[in-house]
Protein backbone atom coordinates (compact mmCIF):
# COMPACT_ATOMS: atom_id res chain seq x y z
CA MET A 1 87.19 76.72 95.02
CA PHE A 2 88.53 74.20 92.62
CA ARG A 3 91.22 74.40 90.33
CA PHE A 4 90.88 71.65 87.62
CA LYS A 5 94.04 69.89 86.33
CA SER A 6 96.49 72.00 88.54
CA CYS A 7 97.99 69.06 90.55
CA PRO A 8 101.77 68.97 90.07
CA ARG A 9 102.29 65.57 91.22
CA CYS A 10 99.22 63.64 89.26
CA THR A 11 97.69 66.50 87.47
CA GLY A 12 94.38 66.11 89.33
CA ASP A 13 91.89 68.65 90.27
CA MET A 14 92.91 70.81 93.40
CA PHE A 15 90.70 72.27 95.92
CA VAL A 16 91.76 75.55 97.76
CA GLU A 17 90.57 75.69 101.34
CA ARG A 18 91.11 78.07 104.49
CA THR A 19 92.88 76.68 107.47
CA ASP A 20 93.78 78.35 110.79
CA PHE A 21 97.19 79.16 109.18
CA GLY A 22 96.04 80.49 105.96
CA TRP A 23 94.85 78.98 102.41
CA ASP A 24 95.99 75.64 101.47
CA GLU A 25 95.63 73.65 98.23
CA VAL A 26 94.65 70.12 98.48
CA CYS A 27 94.81 67.66 95.56
CA LEU A 28 91.54 65.41 95.54
CA SER A 29 93.39 62.40 93.77
CA CYS A 30 96.54 62.16 95.39
CA GLY A 31 96.28 64.55 98.42
CA PHE A 32 99.29 66.50 97.58
CA ARG A 33 99.05 69.63 99.65
CA ARG A 34 100.76 73.16 99.35
CA ASP A 35 100.10 76.30 100.99
CA HIS A 36 99.27 79.65 99.59
CA ARG A 37 101.81 82.32 101.01
CA ILE A 38 99.97 85.06 98.73
CA PHE A 39 96.60 84.60 100.33
CA ALA A 40 98.03 83.76 103.79
CA SER A 41 98.21 87.58 104.69
CA ALA A 42 94.88 89.40 105.84
CA GLU A 43 96.60 92.50 107.04
CA PRO A 44 95.18 95.68 105.40
CA VAL A 45 97.91 97.90 103.41
CA GLN A 46 98.58 101.11 104.64
CA SER A 47 98.53 104.06 102.60
CA SER A 48 101.69 106.47 102.46
CA THR A 49 99.41 109.64 102.30
CA SER A 50 96.98 110.51 105.19
CA GLU A 51 93.44 111.46 104.51
CA LEU A 52 94.04 114.94 104.70
CA GLU A 53 96.79 115.13 102.12
CA HIS A 54 94.53 112.96 99.76
CA ARG A 55 91.62 115.30 99.97
CA GLU A 56 94.18 118.21 99.29
CA LEU A 57 95.63 116.31 96.17
CA VAL A 58 91.97 115.64 95.07
CA SER A 59 90.44 118.96 95.52
CA VAL A 60 93.54 120.44 93.32
């Protein structure tokens, strides 16, 4: 995915890529690189209610 004119160093175009450690943004003009901590977690979020409790709430 490209992010146009979003480099903080040179206002060049950034490319978002997947690495072994998460997601990175790389500037195509100057080579500036930063990681995306938001996208790095691929763990599913656990629900606080069980499936049985959810069924009871829906059926009421």
